[in-house]
Amino acid sequence: MRPENETDGQPKRSFIEQARRAQIIAAAVEVIAEVGFVKASLARIAAHAGISKGVISYHFAGKEELMAQIVTQVYSDISEAVVPRILAEENHNAMIRRHIIAVAEHMSGHRDQIAALGEIFSHLRKDNGEPYFDTDSSAPLYEGLEGLYRSGQESGAFRDFDPRVMAVTQQSAIDAMFAYWVANPGHDLDAHAAELAELFDRATRASDTD
């Protein structure tokens, strides 16, 4: 039976159902990272997970929904791991550095997720052929960094600059860092993140800030 709805109309999933969805998502990530988006059929993902294709169809409407959920889950996991570490810093300069370093530290153990995201972003399309994830999809990431930069400017920690431009630039640099790391497995991700953190710290801090 399908789960009953909660009072807000959203499906109420049992612990077992949540665990099964997590298992499917994890299997899908591994398959996409290994064979690419195009070859990652639901049948192949099911075989990798040791379940039937029907089990996937029970939990996800189709490949599109599964792929979209992968992206949602990965970014949710990143947020849960990274945001508390950012907020624990004492000043805005340290927050910017921590954001870059913490994201790299978290994803260093999830190379398959980065590879899978790259495949999904490149290949998942809407019915009209447009990319499922476009520039607007990154708006929440930009807005979060933009808010941090504006707050830092108000406190005097950062120099005067366009917060949105800096936010887009920082997120793009992080994305490029991960793309390079996936393509070059021997690349030192931690060293790259440390250099990137130093770069944005120097580029944004007020001249009279130590």
C-alpha atoms as a PDB file:
ATOM      1  CA  MET A   1       0.000   0.000   0.000  1.00  0.00           C
ATOM      2  CA  ARG A   2       1.052   3.568  -0.602  1.00  0.00           C
ATOM      3  CA  PRO A   3       1.764   5.561   2.565  1.00  0.00           C
ATOM      4  CA  GLU A   4      -1.065   7.602   3.997  1.00  0.00           C
ATOM      5  CA  ASN A   5      -0.907  11.362   3.685  1.00  0.00           C
ATOM      6  CA  GLU A   6      -0.016  13.587   6.583  1.00  0.00           C
ATOM      7  CA  THR A   7      -2.262  16.500   7.480  1.00  0.00           C
ATOM      8  CA  ASP A   8      -0.278  18.813   5.189  1.00  0.00           C
ATOM      9  CA  GLY A   9      -0.953  16.583   2.207  1.00  0.00           C
ATOM     10  CA  GLN A  10       2.618  15.332   1.913  1.00  0.00           C
ATOM     11  CA  PRO A  11       3.271  11.581   1.815  1.00  0.00           C
ATOM     12  CA  LYS A  12       4.145  10.042   5.162  1.00  0.00           C
ATOM     13  CA  ARG A  13       6.987   7.568   4.632  1.00  0.00           C
ATOM     14  CA  SER A  14       7.953   4.877   7.075  1.00  0.00           C
ATOM     15  CA  PHE A  15      11.523   4.341   8.200  1.00  0.00           C
ATOM     16  CA  ILE A  16      11.745   1.315   5.901  1.00  0.00           C
ATOM     17  CA  GLU A  17      10.541   3.331   2.915  1.00  0.00           C
ATOM     18  CA  GLN A  18      13.017   6.103   3.643  1.00  0.00           C
ATOM     19  CA  ALA A  19      15.809   3.538   3.917  1.00  0.00           C
ATOM     20  CA  ARG A  20      14.779   1.944   0.607  1.00  0.00           C
ATOM     21  CA  ARG A  21      14.748   5.305  -1.158  1.00  0.00           C
ATOM     22  CA  ALA A  22      18.194   6.059   0.250  1.00  0.00           C
ATOM     23  CA  GLN A  23      19.415   2.676  -0.990  1.00  0.00           C
ATOM     24  CA  ILE A  24      18.098   3.356  -4.490  1.00  0.00           C
ATOM     25  CA  ILE A  25      19.626   6.830  -4.580  1.00  0.00           C
ATOM     26  CA  ALA A  26      22.997   5.482  -3.449  1.00  0.00           C
ATOM     27  CA  ALA A  27      22.896   2.744  -6.086  1.00  0.00           C
ATOM     28  CA  ALA A  28      21.936   5.238  -8.782  1.00  0.00           C
ATOM     29  CA  VAL A  29      24.849   7.497  -7.851  1.00  0.00           C
ATOM     30  CA  GLU A  30      27.311   4.605  -8.123  1.00  0.00           C
ATOM     31  CA  VAL A  31      25.929   3.437 -11.469  1.00  0.00           C
ATOM     32  CA  ILE A  32      25.916   6.930 -12.998  1.00  0.00           C
ATOM     33  CA  ALA A  33      29.468   7.550 -11.796  1.00  0.00           C
ATOM     34  CA  GLU A  34      30.572   4.258 -13.357  1.00  0.00           C
ATOM     35  CA  VAL A  35      28.740   4.154 -16.704  1.00  0.00           C
ATOM     36  CA  GLY A  36      27.334   7.656 -17.196  1.00  0.00           C
ATOM     37  CA  PHE A  37      23.814   9.058 -17.285  1.00  0.00           C
ATOM     38  CA  VAL A  38      22.748   7.596 -20.635  1.00  0.00           C
ATOM     39  CA  LYS A  39      23.600   3.997 -19.726  1.00  0.00           C
ATOM     40  CA  ALA A  40      22.236   4.287 -16.190  1.00  0.00           C
ATOM     41  CA  SER A  41      18.839   2.694 -16.850  1.00  0.00           C
ATOM     42  CA  LEU A  42      16.424   1.920 -14.047  1.00  0.00           C
ATOM     43  CA  ALA A  43      16.963  -1.781 -14.742  1.00  0.00           C
ATOM     44  CA  ARG A  44      20.714  -1.380 -14.349  1.00  0.00           C
ATOM     45  CA  ILE A  45      20.316   0.622 -11.155  1.00  0.00           C
ATOM     46  CA  ALA A  46      17.932  -1.994  -9.765  1.00  0.00           C
ATOM     47  CA  ALA A  47      20.361  -4.806 -10.557  1.00  0.00           C
ATOM     48  CA  HIS A  48      23.167  -2.890  -8.856  1.00  0.00           C
ATOM     49  CA  ALA A  49      20.995  -2.398  -5.765  1.00  0.00           C
ATOM     50  CA  GLY A  50      19.912  -6.049  -5.744  1.00  0.00           C
ATOM     51  CA  ILE A  51      16.239  -5.216  -6.131  1.00  0.00           C
ATOM     52  CA  SER A  52      13.639  -5.397  -8.881  1.00  0.00           C
ATOM     53  CA  LYS A  53      12.922  -2.500 -11.224  1.00  0.00           C
ATOM     54  CA  GLY A  54       9.404  -2.490  -9.803  1.00  0.00           C
ATOM     55  CA  VAL A  55      10.752  -1.462  -6.411  1.00  0.00           C
ATOM     56  CA  ILE A  56      12.255   1.648  -7.970  1.00  0.00           C
ATOM     57  CA  SER A  57       8.990   2.385  -9.773  1.00  0.00           C
ATOM     58  CA  TYR A  58       7.146   2.146  -6.457  1.00  0.00           C
ATOM     59  CA  HIS A  59       9.304   4.833  -4.865  1.00  0.00           C
ATOM     60  CA  PHE A  60      10.004   7.061  -7.881  1.00  0.00           C
ATOM     61  CA  ALA A  61       7.748   8.005 -10.791  1.00  0.00           C
ATOM     62  CA  GLY A  62      10.589   7.455 -13.249  1.00  0.00           C
ATOM     63  CA  LYS A  63      14.207   8.173 -14.047  1.00  0.00           C
ATOM     64  CA  GLU A  64      13.633  11.940 -14.099  1.00  0.00           C
ATOM     65  CA  GLU A  65      12.287  11.999 -10.557  1.00  0.00           C
ATOM     66  CA  LEU A  66      15.078   9.741  -9.328  1.00  0.00           C
ATOM     67  CA  MET A  67      17.743  11.940 -10.908  1.00  0.00           C
ATOM     68  CA  ALA A  68      16.187  15.093  -9.467  1.00  0.00           C
ATOM     69  CA  GLN A  69      16.044  13.482  -6.032  1.00  0.00           C
ATOM     70  CA  ILE A  70      19.737  12.609  -6.234  1.00  0.00           C
ATOM     71  CA  VAL A  71      20.568  16.273  -6.709  1.00  0.00           C
ATOM     72  CA  THR A  72      18.256  17.321  -3.886  1.00  0.00           C
ATOM     73  CA  GLN A  73      19.710  14.722  -1.528  1.00  0.00           C
ATOM     74  CA  VAL A  74      23.346  15.529  -2.275  1.00  0.00           C
ATOM     75  CA  TYR A  75      22.863  19.243  -1.715  1.00  0.00           C
ATOM     76  CA  SER A  76      20.818  18.593   1.411  1.00  0.00           C
ATOM     77  CA  ASP A  77      23.628  16.446   2.810  1.00  0.00           C
ATOM     78  CA  ILE A  78      26.182  19.136   1.984  1.00  0.00           C
ATOM     79  CA  SER A  79      24.100  21.779   3.726  1.00  0.00           C
ATOM     80  CA  GLU A  80      23.669  19.668   6.853  1.00  0.00           C
ATOM     81  CA  ALA A  81      27.405  18.995   7.034  1.00  0.00           C
ATOM     82  CA  VAL A  82      28.715  22.432   6.110  1.00  0.00           C
ATOM     83  CA  VAL A  83      26.316  25.131   7.369  1.00  0.00           C
ATOM     84  CA  PRO A  84      26.843  24.422  11.097  1.00  0.00           C
ATOM     85  CA  ARG A  85      30.604  24.672  10.591  1.00  0.00           C
ATOM     86  CA  ILE A  86      30.222  28.021   8.840  1.00  0.00           C
ATOM     87  CA  LEU A  87      27.966  29.428  11.543  1.00  0.00           C
ATOM     88  CA  ALA A  88      30.399  28.303  14.227  1.00  0.00           C
ATOM     89  CA  GLU A  89      33.057  30.727  12.940  1.00  0.00           C
ATOM     90  CA  GLU A  90      33.551  33.998  14.812  1.00  0.00           C
ATOM     91  CA  ASN A  91      33.706  36.413  11.883  1.00  0.00           C
ATOM     92  CA  HIS A  92      32.678  36.768   8.257  1.00  0.00           C
ATOM     93  CA  ASN A  93      36.185  36.371   6.867  1.00  0.00           C
ATOM     94  CA  ALA A  94      36.515  32.990   8.566  1.00  0.00           C
ATOM     95  CA  MET A  95      33.037  32.014   7.366  1.00  0.00           C
ATOM     96  CA  ILE A  96      34.010  32.479   3.733  1.00  0.00           C
ATOM     97  CA  ARG A  97      37.158  30.418   4.191  1.00  0.00           C
ATOM     98  CA  ARG A  98      35.258  27.732   6.108  1.00  0.00           C
ATOM     99  CA  HIS A  99      32.596  27.466   3.408  1.00  0.00           C
ATOM    100  CA  ILE A 100      35.126  26.510   0.743  1.00  0.00           C
ATOM    101  CA  ILE A 101      37.234  24.232   2.921  1.00  0.00           C
ATOM    102  CA  ALA A 102      34.285  22.484   4.594  1.00  0.00           C
ATOM    103  CA  VAL A 103      32.564  21.712   1.297  1.00  0.00           C
ATOM    104  CA  ALA A 104      35.793  20.204  -0.044  1.00  0.00           C
ATOM    105  CA  GLU A 105      36.339  18.171   3.130  1.00  0.00           C
ATOM    106  CA  HIS A 106      32.801  16.813   2.993  1.00  0.00           C
ATOM    107  CA  MET A 107      32.887  15.916  -0.696  1.00  0.00           C
ATOM    108  CA  SER A 108      36.367  14.375  -0.527  1.00  0.00           C
ATOM    109  CA  GLY A 109      34.668  11.165   0.553  1.00  0.00           C
ATOM    110  CA  HIS A 110      31.944  11.411  -2.077  1.00  0.00           C
ATOM    111  CA  ARG A 111      33.671  11.523  -5.450  1.00  0.00           C
ATOM    112  CA  ASP A 112      30.909   9.398  -7.017  1.00  0.00           C
ATOM    113  CA  GLN A 113      28.345  12.002  -6.038  1.00  0.00           C
ATOM    114  CA  ILE A 114      30.284  14.757  -7.775  1.00  0.00           C
ATOM    115  CA  ALA A 115      30.653  12.626 -10.902  1.00  0.00           C
ATOM    116  CA  ALA A 116      26.953  11.755 -10.856  1.00  0.00           C
ATOM    117  CA  LEU A 117      25.908  15.390 -10.442  1.00  0.00           C
ATOM    118  CA  GLY A 118      28.012  16.376 -13.438  1.00  0.00           C
ATOM    119  CA  GLU A 119      26.323  13.712 -15.560  1.00  0.00           C
ATOM    120  CA  ILE A 120      22.839  14.691 -14.395  1.00  0.00           C
ATOM    121  CA  PHE A 121      23.402  18.401 -14.975  1.00  0.00           C
ATOM    122  CA  SER A 122      24.718  17.686 -18.471  1.00  0.00           C
ATOM    123  CA  HIS A 123      22.102  15.189 -19.630  1.00  0.00           C
ATOM    124  CA  LEU A 124      18.825  15.487 -17.747  1.00  0.00           C
ATOM    125  CA  ARG A 125      16.296  17.312 -19.912  1.00  0.00           C
ATOM    126  CA  LYS A 126      12.720  18.510 -19.583  1.00  0.00           C
ATOM    127  CA  ASP A 127      10.040  17.392 -22.039  1.00  0.00           C
ATOM    128  CA  ASN A 128      10.757  20.452 -24.199  1.00  0.00           C
ATOM    129  CA  GLY A 129      14.436  19.557 -24.420  1.00  0.00           C
ATOM    130  CA  GLU A 130      15.673  22.291 -22.103  1.00  0.00           C
ATOM    131  CA  PRO A 131      18.108  21.423 -19.309  1.00  0.00           C
ATOM    132  CA  TYR A 132      16.306  20.252 -16.185  1.00  0.00           C
ATOM    133  CA  PHE A 133      18.801  22.148 -14.049  1.00  0.00           C
ATOM    134  CA  ASP A 134      19.693  25.578 -15.427  1.00  0.00           C
ATOM    135  CA  THR A 135      21.280  28.722 -14.056  1.00  0.00           C
ATOM    136  CA  ASP A 136      18.175  29.522 -12.037  1.00  0.00           C
ATOM    137  CA  SER A 137      18.572  26.207 -10.212  1.00  0.00           C
ATOM    138  CA  SER A 138      21.689  27.599  -8.529  1.00  0.00           C
ATOM    139  CA  ALA A 139      19.848  30.669  -7.231  1.00  0.00           C
ATOM    140  CA  PRO A 140      19.589  29.375  -3.627  1.00  0.00           C
ATOM    141  CA  LEU A 141      23.358  28.824  -3.530  1.00  0.00           C
ATOM    142  CA  TYR A 142      24.037  32.312  -4.850  1.00  0.00           C
ATOM    143  CA  GLU A 143      21.524  33.876  -2.475  1.00  0.00           C
ATOM    144  CA  GLY A 144      23.087  32.200   0.547  1.00  0.00           C
ATOM    145  CA  LEU A 145      26.571  33.439  -0.298  1.00  0.00           C
ATOM    146  CA  GLU A 146      25.238  36.836  -1.297  1.00  0.00           C
ATOM    147  CA  GLY A 147      23.579  37.199   2.095  1.00  0.00           C
ATOM    148  CA  LEU A 148      26.825  36.301   3.841  1.00  0.00           C
ATOM    149  CA  TYR A 149      28.745  38.847   1.782  1.00  0.00           C
ATOM    150  CA  ARG A 150      26.197  41.607   2.423  1.00  0.00           C
ATOM    151  CA  SER A 151      26.283  40.915   6.144  1.00  0.00           C
ATOM    152  CA  GLY A 152      30.080  41.028   6.078  1.00  0.00           C
ATOM    153  CA  GLN A 153      30.070  44.330   4.256  1.00  0.00           C
ATOM    154  CA  GLU A 154      27.683  45.783   6.820  1.00  0.00           C
ATOM    155  CA  SER A 155      29.977  44.655   9.638  1.00  0.00           C
ATOM    156  CA  GLY A 156      33.011  46.167   7.930  1.00  0.00           C
ATOM    157  CA  ALA A 157      34.730  42.811   7.384  1.00  0.00           C
ATOM    158  CA  PHE A 158      34.479  43.000   3.586  1.00  0.00           C
ATOM    159  CA  ARG A 159      35.365  45.721   1.118  1.00  0.00           C
ATOM    160  CA  ASP A 160      32.818  47.240  -1.233  1.00  0.00           C
ATOM    161  CA  PHE A 161      31.934  44.950  -4.167  1.00  0.00           C
ATOM    162  CA  ASP A 162      28.869  43.460  -5.864  1.00  0.00           C
ATOM    163  CA  PRO A 163      27.807  40.580  -3.571  1.00  0.00           C
ATOM    164  CA  ARG A 164      25.977  38.696  -6.326  1.00  0.00           C
ATOM    165  CA  VAL A 165      28.977  38.803  -8.661  1.00  0.00           C
ATOM    166  CA  MET A 166      31.250  37.544  -5.888  1.00  0.00           C
ATOM    167  CA  ALA A 167      28.758  34.836  -4.907  1.00  0.00           C
ATOM    168  CA  VAL A 168      28.462  33.545  -8.479  1.00  0.00           C
ATOM    169  CA  THR A 169      32.234  33.662  -8.879  1.00  0.00           C
ATOM    170  CA  GLN A 170      32.861  31.758  -5.657  1.00  0.00           C
ATOM    171  CA  GLN A 171      30.309  29.036  -6.401  1.00  0.00           C
ATOM    172  CA  SER A 172      31.614  28.694  -9.954  1.00  0.00           C
ATOM    173  CA  ALA A 173      35.153  28.311  -8.636  1.00  0.00           C
ATOM    174  CA  ILE A 174      34.010  25.564  -6.274  1.00  0.00           C
ATOM    175  CA  ASP A 175      32.178  23.762  -9.067  1.00  0.00           C
ATOM    176  CA  ALA A 176      35.267  23.981 -11.281  1.00  0.00           C
ATOM    177  CA  MET A 177      37.431  22.665  -8.445  1.00  0.00           C
ATOM    178  CA  PHE A 178      35.296  19.552  -8.122  1.00  0.00           C
ATOM    179  CA  ALA A 179      35.076  19.018 -11.876  1.00  0.00           C
ATOM    180  CA  TYR A 180      38.863  19.136 -12.133  1.00  0.00           C
ATOM    181  CA  TRP A 181      39.226  16.773  -9.178  1.00  0.00           C
ATOM    182  CA  VAL A 182      36.870  14.207 -10.727  1.00  0.00           C
ATOM    183  CA  ALA A 183      38.722  14.381 -14.049  1.00  0.00           C
ATOM    184  CA  ASN A 184      42.110  14.191 -12.287  1.00  0.00           C
ATOM    185  CA  PRO A 185      41.838  11.739  -9.356  1.00  0.00           C
ATOM    186  CA  GLY A 186      45.403  12.419  -8.217  1.00  0.00           C
ATOM    187  CA  HIS A 187      44.713  16.118  -7.752  1.00  0.00           C
ATOM    188  CA  ASP A 188      45.076  17.374  -4.154  1.00  0.00           C
ATOM    189  CA  LEU A 189      41.556  18.561  -3.352  1.00  0.00           C
ATOM    190  CA  ASP A 190      42.430  19.842   0.118  1.00  0.00           C
ATOM    191  CA  ALA A 191      45.322  21.938  -1.207  1.00  0.00           C
ATOM    192  CA  HIS A 192      43.119  23.299  -3.987  1.00  0.00           C
ATOM    193  CA  ALA A 193      40.412  24.276  -1.486  1.00  0.00           C
ATOM    194  CA  ALA A 194      42.939  25.930   0.824  1.00  0.00           C
ATOM    195  CA  GLU A 195      44.322  27.998  -2.052  1.00  0.00           C
ATOM    196  CA  LEU A 196      40.817  28.933  -3.162  1.00  0.00           C
ATOM    197  CA  ALA A 197      39.880  29.961   0.379  1.00  0.00           C
ATOM    198  CA  GLU A 198      42.969  32.164   0.581  1.00  0.00           C
ATOM    199  CA  LEU A 199      42.123  33.714  -2.771  1.00  0.00           C
ATOM    200  CA  PHE A 200      38.573  34.704  -1.792  1.00  0.00           C
ATOM    201  CA  ASP A 201      39.664  35.846   1.636  1.00  0.00           C
ATOM    202  CA  ARG A 202      42.185  38.242   0.100  1.00  0.00           C
ATOM    203  CA  ALA A 203      39.763  39.311  -2.624  1.00  0.00           C
ATOM    204  CA  THR A 204      36.933  40.244  -0.287  1.00  0.00           C
ATOM    205  CA  ARG A 205      38.350  41.441   3.035  1.00  0.00           C
ATOM    206  CA  ALA A 206      38.465  45.133   3.906  1.00  0.00           C
ATOM    207  CA  SER A 207      41.919  46.636   3.577  1.00  0.00           C
ATOM    208  CA  ASP A 208      42.132  47.406   7.278  1.00  0.00           C
ATOM    209  CA  THR A 209      41.063  43.889   8.340  1.00  0.00           C
ATOM    210  CA  ASP A 210      43.805  41.708   9.799  1.00  0.00           C
END
